[in-house]
Amino acid sequence: MKRLLLFIPVVLAITLGVVMYSGIGKDPMHLDSALIGKPVPAFELAQLENPDVMLRNDVFSGQVSLLNVWGTWCPACRDEHSDLVWLAEEKGVHIIGLNYKDNREQALEWLQTLGNPYSVNLFDPSGRLGFDLGVYGAPETYVVDADGIVRYRHVGVVNEKVWNETLEPLLQKFSREG
């Protein structure tokens, strides 16, 4: 019986090795989304800038958009913000912001100070839409086609490299298909 107990560490080490080996080569920034190919979940949220204006899924109608999940509490969101401003101002990208689990006043001050790349800003203080989207944290950015269908999910900062290699080709593809 004591000899059998000696093999437990060996079995655990082999199991751990198999688990670790299975993760080699996988992109840690790639998280699958069950929403790919499905509509953005139904929502009714206040506009960040005007709490009396309620916004719904029709904000995605008519053009391919990026849906960017952000918050003032998120250091990586600050890192990507200047790139989002560049995309909106220089490239004409339609970006819808989802201000996620944040404080309205701080978010408005952030946009006033750093610039506002968003065509529309949804205010989601409870994280309800974020939960329905499957958000793990901010920043996350979704490509949404002109029919409101989620086509791609990017976890992490959007920068020039991500734009050039991933998001721009997708926006062009879905703009042509629409």
Protein backbone atom coordinates (compact mmCIF):
# COMPACT_ATOMS: atom_id res chain seq x y z
CA MET A 1 0.00 0.00 0.00
CA LYS A 2 2.85 2.38 0.85
CA ARG A 3 4.45 1.68 -2.52
CA LEU A 4 1.20 2.66 -4.22
CA LEU A 5 1.27 6.04 -2.44
CA LEU A 6 4.71 6.70 -3.92
CA PHE A 7 3.18 6.78 -7.41
CA ILE A 8 0.67 9.54 -6.61
CA PRO A 9 3.22 12.39 -7.17
CA VAL A 10 4.29 10.78 -10.46
CA VAL A 11 0.67 10.55 -11.66
CA LEU A 12 0.03 14.16 -10.61
CA ALA A 13 3.17 15.37 -12.40
CA ILE A 14 2.21 13.54 -15.59
CA THR A 15 -1.34 14.94 -15.44
CA LEU A 16 -0.03 18.48 -14.91
CA GLY A 17 2.39 18.02 -17.81
CA VAL A 18 -0.41 16.93 -20.15
CA VAL A 19 -2.57 19.90 -19.16
CA MET A 20 0.29 22.35 -19.65
CA TYR A 21 1.32 20.79 -22.97
CA SER A 22 -2.22 21.11 -24.31
CA GLY A 23 -2.01 24.91 -23.80
CA ILE A 24 1.22 25.38 -25.76
CA GLY A 25 0.72 27.44 -28.88
CA LYS A 26 -2.70 28.73 -27.92
CA ASP A 27 -3.27 32.48 -28.02
CA PRO A 28 -4.06 33.66 -24.47
CA MET A 29 -5.82 36.72 -25.93
CA HIS A 30 -8.21 34.58 -27.97
CA LEU A 31 -11.35 33.67 -26.09
CA ASP A 32 -14.12 32.02 -28.03
CA SER A 33 -17.50 33.65 -27.88
CA ALA A 34 -20.80 31.82 -28.10
CA LEU A 35 -22.20 34.98 -29.72
CA ILE A 36 -20.23 34.75 -32.97
CA GLY A 37 -22.83 34.63 -35.75
CA LYS A 38 -25.63 35.71 -33.40
CA PRO A 39 -27.26 39.09 -32.75
CA VAL A 40 -25.98 41.38 -30.03
CA PRO A 41 -28.12 40.49 -26.99
CA ALA A 42 -31.24 42.63 -26.64
CA PHE A 43 -30.71 45.61 -24.37
CA GLU A 44 -32.12 48.94 -23.31
CA LEU A 45 -29.48 51.15 -21.74
CA ALA A 46 -29.15 54.85 -21.11
CA GLN A 47 -26.82 56.91 -23.22
CA LEU A 48 -23.74 57.81 -21.17
CA GLU A 49 -23.91 61.50 -22.06
CA ASN A 50 -27.69 61.82 -21.60
CA PRO A 51 -29.35 59.47 -19.08
CA ASP A 52 -32.81 60.39 -20.43
CA VAL A 53 -32.04 58.85 -23.82
CA MET A 54 -32.55 55.08 -23.92
CA LEU A 55 -30.63 53.11 -26.54
CA ARG A 56 -31.45 49.71 -28.00
CA ASN A 57 -30.02 47.25 -30.51
CA ASP A 58 -30.91 49.52 -33.43
CA VAL A 59 -27.69 51.48 -32.72
CA PHE A 60 -26.01 48.67 -34.70
CA SER A 61 -28.31 48.96 -37.73
CA GLY A 62 -27.04 50.09 -41.08
CA GLN A 63 -23.25 49.95 -40.75
CA VAL A 64 -20.47 47.72 -39.55
CA SER A 65 -19.32 48.84 -36.11
CA LEU A 66 -16.81 48.15 -33.42
CA LEU A 67 -18.37 47.66 -29.98
CA ASN A 68 -15.69 48.63 -27.46
CA VAL A 69 -16.11 47.66 -23.79
CA TRP A 70 -14.30 50.16 -21.58
CA GLY A 71 -14.14 51.68 -18.12
CA THR A 72 -12.20 54.41 -16.36
CA TRP A 73 -11.05 51.81 -13.82
CA CYS A 74 -9.26 49.87 -16.59
CA PRO A 75 -5.56 50.73 -17.18
CA ALA A 76 -5.50 48.89 -20.53
CA CYS A 77 -8.49 50.98 -21.69
CA ARG A 78 -6.41 54.10 -21.15
CA ASP A 79 -3.60 52.50 -23.18
CA GLU A 80 -5.87 51.86 -26.16
CA HIS A 81 -7.88 55.08 -25.98
CA SER A 82 -5.61 57.20 -28.20
CA ASP A 83 -5.71 54.44 -30.83
CA LEU A 84 -9.52 54.43 -30.72
CA VAL A 85 -9.55 58.21 -31.16
CA TRP A 86 -7.21 57.77 -34.14
CA LEU A 87 -9.48 55.10 -35.66
CA ALA A 88 -12.57 57.27 -35.27
CA GLU A 89 -11.02 60.53 -36.44
CA GLU A 90 -8.52 59.41 -39.07
CA LYS A 91 -10.04 56.18 -40.36
CA GLY A 92 -13.72 57.04 -39.91
CA VAL A 93 -14.45 53.86 -37.96
CA HIS A 94 -17.90 53.71 -36.37
CA ILE A 95 -17.22 52.81 -32.73
CA ILE A 96 -19.93 52.21 -30.17
CA GLY A 97 -18.74 52.40 -26.59
CA LEU A 98 -20.02 50.22 -23.77
CA ASN A 99 -19.05 51.98 -20.55
CA TYR A 100 -18.90 48.93 -18.30
CA LYS A 101 -19.40 48.89 -14.51
CA ASP A 102 -18.30 52.49 -14.21
CA ASN A 103 -19.18 55.84 -12.68
CA ARG A 104 -20.98 58.19 -15.09
CA GLU A 105 -19.23 61.38 -13.93
CA GLN A 106 -15.77 59.83 -14.10
CA ALA A 107 -16.50 58.42 -17.56
CA LEU A 108 -17.68 61.80 -18.86
CA GLU A 109 -14.58 63.49 -17.43
CA TRP A 110 -12.39 60.82 -19.09
CA LEU A 111 -13.97 61.49 -22.50
CA GLN A 112 -13.71 65.25 -22.01
CA THR A 113 -10.02 64.96 -21.17
CA LEU A 114 -8.87 62.20 -23.55
CA GLY A 115 -11.30 62.67 -26.44
CA ASN A 116 -14.43 60.79 -27.43
CA PRO A 117 -13.97 58.20 -30.18
CA TYR A 118 -17.49 56.83 -29.77
CA SER A 119 -20.40 57.55 -32.09
CA VAL A 120 -22.68 56.32 -29.29
CA ASN A 121 -21.88 55.44 -25.69
CA LEU A 122 -23.99 52.90 -23.81
CA PHE A 123 -23.92 53.22 -20.02
CA ASP A 124 -23.92 49.78 -18.34
CA PRO A 125 -23.23 50.44 -14.63
CA SER A 126 -24.51 47.04 -13.49
CA GLY A 127 -22.70 45.12 -16.24
CA ARG A 128 -25.92 43.52 -17.50
CA LEU A 129 -25.11 43.81 -21.22
CA GLY A 130 -21.48 42.99 -20.52
CA PHE A 131 -22.62 39.78 -18.82
CA ASP A 132 -24.88 38.92 -21.75
CA LEU A 133 -21.96 39.48 -24.13
CA GLY A 134 -19.74 37.21 -22.05
CA VAL A 135 -17.29 39.98 -21.16
CA TYR A 136 -14.38 38.74 -19.07
CA GLY A 137 -13.08 42.23 -18.45
CA ALA A 138 -12.16 45.38 -20.27
CA PRO A 139 -11.08 46.15 -22.85
CA GLU A 140 -12.91 43.87 -25.22
CA THR A 141 -13.91 44.83 -28.74
CA TYR A 142 -16.49 43.18 -30.96
CA VAL A 143 -17.00 43.50 -34.70
CA VAL A 144 -20.74 43.86 -35.29
CA ASP A 145 -22.12 43.80 -38.83
CA ALA A 146 -24.79 46.13 -40.24
CA ASP A 147 -27.51 43.68 -39.18
CA GLY A 148 -26.37 43.67 -35.54
CA ILE A 149 -24.70 40.25 -35.76
CA VAL A 150 -21.52 39.68 -33.73
CA ARG A 151 -18.78 38.61 -36.15
CA TYR A 152 -15.61 38.72 -34.05
CA ARG A 153 -14.40 39.25 -30.50
CA HIS A 154 -11.03 40.73 -29.56
CA VAL A 155 -9.89 40.54 -25.95
CA GLY A 156 -7.30 43.10 -24.99
CA VAL A 157 -6.01 46.42 -26.26
CA VAL A 158 -6.83 47.61 -29.77
CA ASN A 159 -3.71 49.21 -31.22
CA GLU A 160 -2.41 49.88 -34.72
CA LYS A 161 -1.12 46.30 -35.09
CA VAL A 162 -4.47 44.76 -34.07
CA TRP A 163 -6.25 47.20 -36.37
CA ASN A 164 -4.06 46.46 -39.39
CA GLU A 165 -3.81 42.70 -38.96
CA THR A 166 -7.25 41.79 -37.63
CA LEU A 167 -9.96 44.40 -37.30
CA GLU A 168 -9.56 46.39 -40.52
CA PRO A 169 -9.74 43.28 -42.76
CA LEU A 170 -12.85 42.13 -40.88
CA LEU A 171 -14.56 45.51 -41.16
CA GLN A 172 -13.80 45.58 -44.88
CA LYS A 173 -15.09 42.03 -45.33
CA PHE A 174 -18.36 42.63 -43.54
CA SER A 175 -18.85 46.03 -45.17
CA ARG A 176 -18.67 44.35 -48.60
CA GLU A 177 -21.06 41.59 -47.57
CA GLY A 178 -23.63 44.06 -46.22
